[in-house]
């Protein structure tokens, strides 16, 4: 009887050892998956200090387009947002999104680009370079290229919105 009990315990021990080996293999496979996952590019996000609404003040500084006159002023709200597909800037006017820029945050500047978009009358391309970034003010230039390859340049000044 003792010998049978000992054989039974040895069999149980072998079963536990086999389970343990399976668990080790599963752990190793999960670790290798996590290593692959860690090598994937991380989602790029705007810095926290940009993730607020910004009031924009834009003034046309030069233009050879018929629909933009030097001295024209515009005010909009800009929001820097990001998700798994990239970094964007939403431009709102009267609480409606007017334009969405794809964005990049480079060492000392923000570069925003809208693809050619169909506005009500014509196709335009808008790009923005914000190269003077301080805590409570961001400045740069917005360039609008119209359908006739006319160009209008606006100075851009962003200040944090006081509204939430």
Protein backbone atom coordinates (compact mmCIF):
# COMPACT_ATOMS: atom_id res chain seq x y z
CA UNK A 1 0.00 0.00 0.00
CA UNK A 2 2.83 2.37 0.82
CA UNK A 3 4.41 1.69 -2.54
CA UNK A 4 1.11 2.38 -4.35
CA UNK A 5 0.67 5.64 -2.40
CA UNK A 6 4.24 6.66 -3.31
CA UNK A 7 3.63 5.86 -7.01
CA UNK A 8 0.40 7.91 -6.88
CA UNK A 9 2.24 10.91 -5.36
CA UNK A 10 5.00 10.61 -8.00
CA UNK A 11 2.35 10.61 -10.74
CA UNK A 12 0.68 13.70 -9.24
CA UNK A 13 4.08 15.38 -9.00
CA UNK A 14 4.79 14.57 -12.68
CA UNK A 15 1.41 16.07 -13.63
CA UNK A 16 2.18 19.25 -11.67
CA UNK A 17 5.64 19.42 -13.23
CA UNK A 18 4.09 19.11 -16.72
CA UNK A 19 1.61 21.91 -15.87
CA UNK A 20 4.49 24.03 -14.60
CA UNK A 21 6.44 23.49 -17.84
CA UNK A 22 3.37 24.50 -19.87
CA UNK A 23 3.00 27.67 -17.78
CA UNK A 24 6.67 28.55 -18.30
CA UNK A 25 6.31 28.12 -22.06
CA UNK A 26 3.16 30.28 -22.06
CA UNK A 27 4.92 32.97 -20.00
CA UNK A 28 7.89 32.94 -22.39
CA UNK A 29 5.61 33.28 -25.41
CA UNK A 30 3.79 36.20 -23.77
CA UNK A 31 7.08 37.90 -22.99
CA UNK A 32 8.20 37.55 -26.59
CA UNK A 33 4.89 39.08 -27.74
CA UNK A 34 5.31 42.01 -25.37
CA UNK A 35 8.85 42.56 -26.67
CA UNK A 36 7.48 42.80 -30.21
CA UNK A 37 4.75 45.14 -29.01
CA UNK A 38 7.34 47.37 -27.31
CA UNK A 39 9.19 47.81 -30.60
CA UNK A 40 6.10 49.21 -32.33
CA UNK A 41 6.14 53.01 -32.71
CA UNK A 42 4.50 54.78 -29.82
CA UNK A 43 1.49 57.00 -30.41
CA UNK A 44 2.72 60.53 -30.75
CA UNK A 45 0.79 63.07 -28.76
CA UNK A 46 0.83 66.81 -28.34
CA UNK A 47 2.51 67.98 -25.15
CA UNK A 48 0.06 68.43 -22.26
CA UNK A 49 0.43 72.23 -22.28
CA UNK A 50 -1.01 72.35 -25.84
CA UNK A 51 -4.09 70.25 -25.04
CA UNK A 52 -6.27 73.26 -24.31
CA UNK A 53 -8.42 75.43 -26.54
CA UNK A 54 -6.46 78.29 -28.10
CA UNK A 55 -7.91 81.57 -29.38
CA UNK A 56 -6.34 82.54 -32.68
CA UNK A 57 -5.85 86.01 -34.06
CA UNK A 58 -4.78 86.03 -37.69
CA UNK A 59 -3.95 89.03 -39.85
CA UNK A 60 -3.27 88.86 -43.59
CA UNK A 61 0.28 90.15 -44.19
CA UNK A 62 0.63 89.48 -47.93
CA UNK A 63 -1.68 88.32 -50.68
CA UNK A 64 -1.99 88.07 -54.43
CA UNK A 65 -5.37 86.32 -54.14
CA UNK A 66 -8.57 88.15 -54.95
CA UNK A 67 -10.45 86.81 -51.92
CA UNK A 68 -7.78 87.73 -49.31
CA UNK A 69 -6.88 91.36 -48.66
CA UNK A 70 -3.88 92.58 -46.67
CA UNK A 71 -5.15 93.58 -43.24
CA UNK A 72 -7.99 91.01 -43.17
CA UNK A 73 -8.43 89.67 -39.64
CA UNK A 74 -9.80 86.34 -38.51
CA UNK A 75 -10.52 84.84 -35.11
CA UNK A 76 -11.01 81.12 -34.53
CA UNK A 77 -10.51 78.52 -31.83
CA UNK A 78 -7.80 75.90 -32.32
CA UNK A 79 -7.66 72.56 -30.50
CA UNK A 80 -4.63 70.26 -30.55
CA UNK A 81 -5.87 66.65 -30.44
CA UNK A 82 -4.32 63.24 -31.04
CA UNK A 83 -5.49 59.67 -31.33
CA UNK A 84 -4.18 56.36 -32.61
CA UNK A 85 -4.18 57.67 -36.19
CA UNK A 86 -2.05 60.73 -35.53
CA UNK A 87 -1.84 64.30 -34.31
CA UNK A 88 -4.35 66.89 -35.49
CA UNK A 89 -5.45 70.45 -34.96
CA UNK A 90 -9.13 71.28 -35.23
CA UNK A 91 -9.99 74.83 -36.23
CA UNK A 92 -13.42 75.88 -35.02
CA UNK A 93 -15.55 78.84 -35.95
CA UNK A 94 -18.89 79.33 -34.18
CA UNK A 95 -18.36 75.97 -32.40
CA UNK A 96 -18.20 74.09 -35.73
CA UNK A 97 -15.09 72.47 -37.16
CA UNK A 98 -14.01 74.55 -40.13
CA UNK A 99 -10.73 72.79 -40.93
CA UNK A 100 -8.63 69.89 -39.64
CA UNK A 101 -4.86 69.99 -39.91
CA UNK A 102 -2.58 66.98 -39.72
CA UNK A 103 0.19 68.00 -37.36
CA UNK A 104 3.77 67.33 -36.36
CA UNK A 105 5.61 68.59 -33.32
CA UNK A 106 9.23 69.03 -34.28
CA UNK A 107 12.04 70.16 -31.97
CA UNK A 108 11.15 73.84 -31.83
CA UNK A 109 8.14 74.22 -34.08
CA UNK A 110 4.71 72.89 -34.94
CA UNK A 111 3.95 72.10 -38.58
CA UNK A 112 0.32 71.76 -39.67
CA UNK A 113 -0.99 70.79 -43.10
CA UNK A 114 -4.44 70.44 -44.56
CA UNK A 115 -4.77 68.27 -47.61
CA UNK A 116 -6.24 69.97 -50.65
CA UNK A 117 -9.76 70.54 -49.53
CA UNK A 118 -12.92 71.38 -51.35
CA UNK A 119 -14.23 74.59 -49.95
CA UNK A 120 -17.50 75.95 -51.23
CA UNK A 121 -16.01 77.44 -54.40
CA UNK A 122 -12.45 76.33 -54.89
CA UNK A 123 -9.71 73.97 -53.82
CA UNK A 124 -7.16 75.42 -51.43
CA UNK A 125 -4.16 74.14 -49.51
CA UNK A 126 -3.42 75.54 -46.08
CA UNK A 127 -0.18 75.07 -44.16
CA UNK A 128 0.89 76.54 -40.85
CA UNK A 129 4.30 76.81 -39.23
CA UNK A 130 4.24 77.84 -35.57
CA UNK A 131 7.87 78.55 -34.72
CA UNK A 132 7.63 80.89 -31.73
CA UNK A 133 6.30 78.69 -28.92
CA UNK A 134 6.06 80.12 -25.41
CA UNK A 135 3.97 79.10 -22.41
CA UNK A 136 1.01 81.43 -23.00
CA UNK A 137 1.48 82.49 -26.61
CA UNK A 138 2.31 80.71 -29.85
CA UNK A 139 3.13 82.63 -33.04
CA UNK A 140 3.75 81.66 -36.62
CA UNK A 141 2.56 81.93 -40.21
CA UNK A 142 -0.35 80.42 -42.10
CA UNK A 143 0.03 80.11 -45.87
CA UNK A 144 -3.01 79.61 -48.08
CA UNK A 145 -2.47 78.49 -51.66
CA UNK A 146 -5.58 79.03 -53.80
CA UNK A 147 -6.75 77.22 -56.90
CA UNK A 148 -4.97 79.69 -59.20
CA UNK A 149 -1.72 79.19 -57.26
CA UNK A 150 -2.27 82.53 -55.59
CA UNK A 151 -0.77 82.80 -52.12
CA UNK A 152 -2.02 84.57 -49.00
CA UNK A 153 0.06 84.68 -45.82
CA UNK A 154 -1.38 85.36 -42.39
CA UNK A 155 0.43 85.99 -39.15
CA UNK A 156 -0.96 83.66 -36.49
CA UNK A 157 -1.07 84.34 -32.77
CA UNK A 158 -2.54 81.75 -30.40
CA UNK A 159 -3.41 82.42 -26.77
CA UNK A 160 -5.01 79.97 -24.32
CA UNK A 161 -8.77 80.30 -24.18
CA UNK A 162 -10.26 81.30 -20.86
CA UNK A 163 -13.45 79.36 -21.64
CA UNK A 164 -13.66 75.66 -20.84
